[in-house]
N, C-alpha and C. Protein backbone atom coordinates (compact mmCIF):
# COMPACT_ATOMS: atom_id res chain seq x y z
N MET A 1 172.24 80.89 113.80
CA MET A 1 171.90 79.82 114.74
C MET A 1 172.66 80.05 116.04
N SER A 2 171.96 79.95 117.15
CA SER A 2 172.59 80.19 118.45
C SER A 2 173.53 79.05 118.81
N ASP A 3 174.37 79.30 119.81
CA ASP A 3 175.32 78.27 120.26
C ASP A 3 174.58 77.02 120.72
N ILE A 4 173.47 77.21 121.42
CA ILE A 4 172.73 76.07 121.96
C ILE A 4 172.12 75.26 120.83
N HIS A 5 171.63 75.94 119.79
CA HIS A 5 171.07 75.21 118.65
C HIS A 5 172.18 74.47 117.90
N SER A 6 173.36 75.07 117.84
CA SER A 6 174.51 74.39 117.22
C SER A 6 174.87 73.14 118.01
N PHE A 7 174.84 73.24 119.34
CA PHE A 7 175.14 72.10 120.20
C PHE A 7 174.11 70.98 119.96
N ILE A 8 172.83 71.34 119.96
CA ILE A 8 171.76 70.36 119.75
C ILE A 8 171.93 69.69 118.38
N ASP A 9 172.14 70.50 117.37
CA ASP A 9 172.33 70.01 116.00
C ASP A 9 173.51 69.03 115.95
N GLY A 10 174.58 69.38 116.63
CA GLY A 10 175.76 68.52 116.67
C GLY A 10 175.49 67.19 117.33
N GLU A 11 174.77 67.20 118.45
CA GLU A 11 174.43 65.96 119.16
C GLU A 11 173.58 65.06 118.27
N ILE A 12 172.62 65.66 117.58
CA ILE A 12 171.70 64.90 116.74
C ILE A 12 172.44 64.29 115.55
N LYS A 13 173.41 65.02 115.01
CA LYS A 13 174.16 64.53 113.86
C LYS A 13 175.22 63.50 114.26
N ALA A 14 175.75 63.61 115.47
CA ALA A 14 176.85 62.74 115.91
C ALA A 14 176.36 61.39 116.45
N ASN A 15 175.09 61.30 116.80
CA ASN A 15 174.55 60.08 117.42
C ASN A 15 173.32 59.62 116.65
N ASP A 16 173.26 58.31 116.37
CA ASP A 16 172.11 57.79 115.63
C ASP A 16 170.81 58.00 116.39
N VAL A 17 170.86 57.79 117.70
CA VAL A 17 169.66 57.94 118.54
C VAL A 17 170.01 58.82 119.72
N VAL A 18 169.27 59.93 119.87
CA VAL A 18 169.51 60.86 120.97
C VAL A 18 168.19 61.11 121.69
N LEU A 19 168.24 61.01 123.01
CA LEU A 19 167.08 61.32 123.84
C LEU A 19 167.41 62.53 124.70
N PHE A 20 166.75 63.66 124.40
CA PHE A 20 166.86 64.83 125.26
C PHE A 20 165.85 64.61 126.38
N MET A 21 166.35 64.54 127.62
CA MET A 21 165.52 64.09 128.72
C MET A 21 165.83 64.84 130.00
N LYS A 22 164.94 64.67 130.98
CA LYS A 22 165.19 65.21 132.32
C LYS A 22 165.88 64.12 133.12
N GLY A 23 167.13 64.40 133.47
CA GLY A 23 167.93 63.40 134.16
C GLY A 23 168.79 62.64 133.17
N THR A 24 169.26 61.47 133.59
CA THR A 24 170.13 60.63 132.76
C THR A 24 169.46 59.27 132.56
N PRO A 25 169.91 58.50 131.57
CA PRO A 25 169.31 57.17 131.39
C PRO A 25 169.36 56.32 132.67
N ALA A 26 170.42 56.47 133.46
CA ALA A 26 170.53 55.69 134.70
C ALA A 26 169.63 56.25 135.80
N PHE A 27 169.40 57.56 135.79
CA PHE A 27 168.59 58.22 136.82
C PHE A 27 167.64 59.24 136.21
N PRO A 28 166.58 58.78 135.53
CA PRO A 28 165.61 59.73 134.97
C PRO A 28 164.99 60.57 136.08
N GLN A 29 164.78 61.86 135.79
CA GLN A 29 164.24 62.78 136.79
C GLN A 29 162.76 63.08 136.59
N CYS A 30 162.14 62.43 135.61
CA CYS A 30 160.69 62.55 135.47
C CYS A 30 160.14 61.26 134.89
N GLY A 31 158.88 61.01 135.15
CA GLY A 31 158.25 59.76 134.73
C GLY A 31 158.23 59.57 133.23
N PHE A 32 158.01 60.68 132.50
CA PHE A 32 157.93 60.59 131.04
C PHE A 32 159.29 60.21 130.46
N SER A 33 160.35 60.86 130.95
CA SER A 33 161.70 60.50 130.50
C SER A 33 161.99 59.04 130.84
N GLY A 34 161.57 58.63 132.04
CA GLY A 34 161.78 57.26 132.49
C GLY A 34 161.10 56.24 131.59
N GLN A 35 159.89 56.57 131.13
CA GLN A 35 159.17 55.63 130.25
C GLN A 35 159.91 55.43 128.93
N VAL A 36 160.40 56.52 128.35
CA VAL A 36 161.11 56.41 127.07
C VAL A 36 162.41 55.62 127.26
N VAL A 37 163.11 55.87 128.37
CA VAL A 37 164.33 55.11 128.69
C VAL A 37 164.01 53.62 128.78
N GLN A 38 162.92 53.28 129.47
CA GLN A 38 162.53 51.88 129.61
C GLN A 38 162.28 51.23 128.25
N ILE A 39 161.60 51.95 127.38
CA ILE A 39 161.29 51.41 126.04
C ILE A 39 162.58 51.19 125.25
N LEU A 40 163.45 52.21 125.23
CA LEU A 40 164.70 52.09 124.48
C LEU A 40 165.58 50.98 125.06
N ASP A 41 165.62 50.89 126.38
CA ASP A 41 166.42 49.84 127.02
C ASP A 41 165.84 48.46 126.71
N TYR A 42 164.53 48.34 126.74
CA TYR A 42 163.87 47.08 126.44
C TYR A 42 164.20 46.63 125.01
N LEU A 43 164.22 47.59 124.10
CA LEU A 43 164.51 47.27 122.70
C LEU A 43 166.00 47.06 122.46
N GLY A 44 166.82 47.38 123.47
CA GLY A 44 168.25 47.20 123.34
C GLY A 44 168.89 48.21 122.40
N VAL A 45 168.27 49.39 122.31
CA VAL A 45 168.77 50.42 121.40
C VAL A 45 169.93 51.16 122.06
N ASP A 46 170.98 51.36 121.29
CA ASP A 46 172.12 52.15 121.75
C ASP A 46 171.78 53.62 121.51
N TYR A 47 171.71 54.41 122.57
CA TYR A 47 171.33 55.81 122.42
C TYR A 47 172.11 56.68 123.39
N LYS A 48 172.09 57.97 123.11
CA LYS A 48 172.72 58.93 124.00
C LYS A 48 171.65 59.73 124.71
N GLY A 49 171.72 59.79 126.01
CA GLY A 49 170.81 60.64 126.79
C GLY A 49 171.48 61.98 127.06
N VAL A 50 170.74 63.06 126.81
CA VAL A 50 171.25 64.40 127.09
C VAL A 50 170.35 65.01 128.16
N ASN A 51 170.94 65.33 129.31
CA ASN A 51 170.19 65.84 130.46
C ASN A 51 169.92 67.33 130.31
N VAL A 52 168.66 67.69 130.04
CA VAL A 52 168.33 69.10 129.85
C VAL A 52 168.29 69.86 131.18
N LEU A 53 168.22 69.13 132.29
CA LEU A 53 168.18 69.81 133.60
C LEU A 53 169.53 70.40 133.96
N ALA A 54 170.58 69.94 133.28
CA ALA A 54 171.93 70.44 133.58
C ALA A 54 172.14 71.86 133.07
N ASP A 55 171.24 72.33 132.19
CA ASP A 55 171.46 73.61 131.53
C ASP A 55 170.11 74.21 131.13
N ALA A 56 169.75 75.34 131.76
CA ALA A 56 168.46 75.99 131.48
C ALA A 56 168.37 76.43 130.02
N GLU A 57 169.50 76.84 129.46
CA GLU A 57 169.52 77.28 128.06
C GLU A 57 169.21 76.10 127.14
N LEU A 58 169.75 74.95 127.48
CA LEU A 58 169.50 73.74 126.70
C LEU A 58 168.03 73.33 126.82
N ARG A 59 167.49 73.42 128.03
CA ARG A 59 166.09 73.02 128.27
C ARG A 59 165.14 73.86 127.42
N GLN A 60 165.41 75.16 127.33
CA GLN A 60 164.59 76.03 126.49
C GLN A 60 164.93 75.84 125.01
N GLY A 61 166.22 75.69 124.74
CA GLY A 61 166.69 75.60 123.36
C GLY A 61 166.14 74.40 122.60
N ILE A 62 166.02 73.26 123.29
CA ILE A 62 165.53 72.05 122.61
C ILE A 62 164.07 72.22 122.22
N LYS A 63 163.30 72.94 123.04
CA LYS A 63 161.89 73.17 122.72
C LYS A 63 161.75 74.06 121.48
N GLU A 64 162.62 75.04 121.37
CA GLU A 64 162.61 75.93 120.21
C GLU A 64 163.12 75.18 118.98
N PHE A 65 164.16 74.38 119.19
CA PHE A 65 164.80 73.66 118.08
C PHE A 65 163.80 72.75 117.37
N SER A 66 163.01 72.02 118.16
CA SER A 66 162.07 71.04 117.60
C SER A 66 160.68 71.64 117.40
N ASN A 67 160.46 72.81 117.98
CA ASN A 67 159.13 73.41 118.00
C ASN A 67 158.14 72.46 118.69
N TRP A 68 158.61 71.82 119.75
CA TRP A 68 157.83 70.85 120.52
C TRP A 68 157.93 71.27 121.98
N PRO A 69 156.80 71.42 122.69
CA PRO A 69 156.84 72.08 124.00
C PRO A 69 157.31 71.23 125.17
N THR A 70 157.40 69.91 125.00
CA THR A 70 157.67 69.07 126.16
C THR A 70 158.95 68.25 125.99
N ILE A 71 159.42 67.75 127.11
CA ILE A 71 160.60 66.89 127.19
C ILE A 71 160.13 65.62 127.88
N PRO A 72 160.53 64.45 127.49
CA PRO A 72 161.63 64.11 126.60
C PRO A 72 161.32 64.29 125.12
N GLN A 73 162.41 64.32 124.34
CA GLN A 73 162.32 64.37 122.88
C GLN A 73 163.30 63.36 122.31
N LEU A 74 162.79 62.52 121.41
CA LEU A 74 163.61 61.48 120.81
C LEU A 74 163.93 61.82 119.36
N TYR A 75 165.22 61.72 119.03
CA TYR A 75 165.68 61.92 117.66
C TYR A 75 166.34 60.63 117.18
N VAL A 76 166.02 60.24 115.94
CA VAL A 76 166.63 59.07 115.32
C VAL A 76 167.19 59.50 113.97
N LYS A 77 168.51 59.30 113.80
CA LYS A 77 169.19 59.67 112.55
C LYS A 77 168.85 61.10 112.13
N GLY A 78 168.84 62.00 113.08
CA GLY A 78 168.62 63.41 112.79
C GLY A 78 167.16 63.80 112.68
N GLU A 79 166.26 62.84 112.77
CA GLU A 79 164.83 63.13 112.61
C GLU A 79 164.13 63.14 113.96
N PHE A 80 163.35 64.19 114.20
CA PHE A 80 162.58 64.28 115.45
C PHE A 80 161.43 63.28 115.39
N VAL A 81 161.39 62.37 116.36
CA VAL A 81 160.35 61.33 116.40
C VAL A 81 159.16 61.82 117.22
N GLY A 82 159.44 62.32 118.43
CA GLY A 82 158.36 62.81 119.27
C GLY A 82 158.72 62.71 120.73
N GLY A 83 157.69 62.91 121.55
CA GLY A 83 157.84 62.83 122.99
C GLY A 83 157.38 61.49 123.52
N CYS A 84 157.13 61.45 124.82
CA CYS A 84 156.79 60.20 125.50
C CYS A 84 155.55 59.53 124.91
N ASP A 85 154.47 60.27 124.71
CA ASP A 85 153.22 59.67 124.23
C ASP A 85 153.40 59.03 122.86
N ILE A 86 154.05 59.76 121.97
CA ILE A 86 154.24 59.26 120.60
C ILE A 86 155.13 58.02 120.62
N VAL A 87 156.23 58.08 121.36
CA VAL A 87 157.16 56.95 121.43
C VAL A 87 156.44 55.73 122.03
N ARG A 88 155.66 55.96 123.10
CA ARG A 88 154.95 54.85 123.74
C ARG A 88 153.91 54.24 122.79
N GLU A 89 153.16 55.10 122.10
CA GLU A 89 152.14 54.60 121.16
C GLU A 89 152.78 53.82 120.02
N MET A 90 153.89 54.34 119.48
CA MET A 90 154.60 53.64 118.40
C MET A 90 155.11 52.29 118.89
N PHE A 91 155.63 52.28 120.11
CA PHE A 91 156.17 51.03 120.69
C PHE A 91 155.05 50.00 120.86
N GLN A 92 153.93 50.44 121.45
CA GLN A 92 152.83 49.51 121.72
C GLN A 92 152.22 48.97 120.43
N ALA A 93 152.26 49.78 119.38
CA ALA A 93 151.72 49.35 118.09
C ALA A 93 152.74 48.53 117.30
N GLY A 94 153.96 48.42 117.82
CA GLY A 94 155.01 47.69 117.12
C GLY A 94 155.65 48.50 116.01
N GLU A 95 155.32 49.79 115.94
CA GLU A 95 155.84 50.64 114.86
C GLU A 95 157.25 51.16 115.15
N LEU A 96 157.56 51.34 116.41
CA LEU A 96 158.86 51.93 116.78
C LEU A 96 160.00 51.01 116.34
N GLN A 97 159.82 49.71 116.57
CA GLN A 97 160.84 48.75 116.21
C GLN A 97 161.11 48.80 114.70
N GLY A 98 160.05 48.82 113.91
CA GLY A 98 160.18 48.88 112.46
C GLY A 98 160.81 50.18 112.00
N PHE A 99 160.41 51.27 112.64
CA PHE A 99 160.96 52.59 112.31
C PHE A 99 162.47 52.60 112.55
N LEU A 100 162.88 52.09 113.71
CA LEU A 100 164.30 52.06 114.04
C LEU A 100 165.06 51.19 113.05
N SER A 101 164.51 50.01 112.75
CA SER A 101 165.17 49.10 111.81
C SER A 101 165.31 49.73 110.43
N GLU A 102 164.25 50.41 109.99
CA GLU A 102 164.28 51.10 108.69
C GLU A 102 165.40 52.14 108.65
N LYS A 103 165.63 52.77 109.77
CA LYS A 103 166.64 53.83 109.85
C LYS A 103 168.04 53.23 110.03
N GLY A 104 168.11 51.90 110.13
CA GLY A 104 169.41 51.25 110.27
C GLY A 104 169.91 51.21 111.69
N VAL A 105 168.99 51.36 112.65
CA VAL A 105 169.38 51.29 114.07
C VAL A 105 169.11 49.87 114.57
N PRO A 106 170.15 49.17 115.07
CA PRO A 106 169.95 47.81 115.54
C PRO A 106 168.97 47.75 116.72
N VAL A 107 168.05 46.80 116.64
CA VAL A 107 167.06 46.59 117.70
C VAL A 107 167.20 45.16 118.18
N ALA A 108 167.40 44.97 119.49
CA ALA A 108 167.62 43.63 120.03
C ALA A 108 166.32 42.86 120.18
N GLN A 109 165.26 43.57 120.60
CA GLN A 109 164.00 42.91 120.91
C GLN A 109 162.93 43.30 119.89
N GLN A 110 162.16 42.34 119.47
CA GLN A 110 160.94 42.66 118.72
C GLN A 110 159.79 42.48 119.70
N ALA A 111 158.81 43.35 119.63
CA ALA A 111 157.68 43.27 120.58
C ALA A 111 156.84 42.03 120.28
């Protein structure tokens, strides 16, 4: 396993909810990352944002790690959930809140 994959694995294991994104939660650098941040913030979920723009190796590494071609990527309790479309669809269907609760992640808002 490469150093970057070890780093990614460590972040996912150390944090219940991790969002690999372009930019930071305070300053998303793309619309898709921004949408996922808005959803997580709305739900009051405590999460860690990892800025893939800070490191080209990380930006490529996360795509290989998850075998998913786009960013953002959301992980909950070590499990890859998906990108912006999947997270948005789950949220709109009310499934994301239930999924997070099932995983033991506190959710402040119910849709």
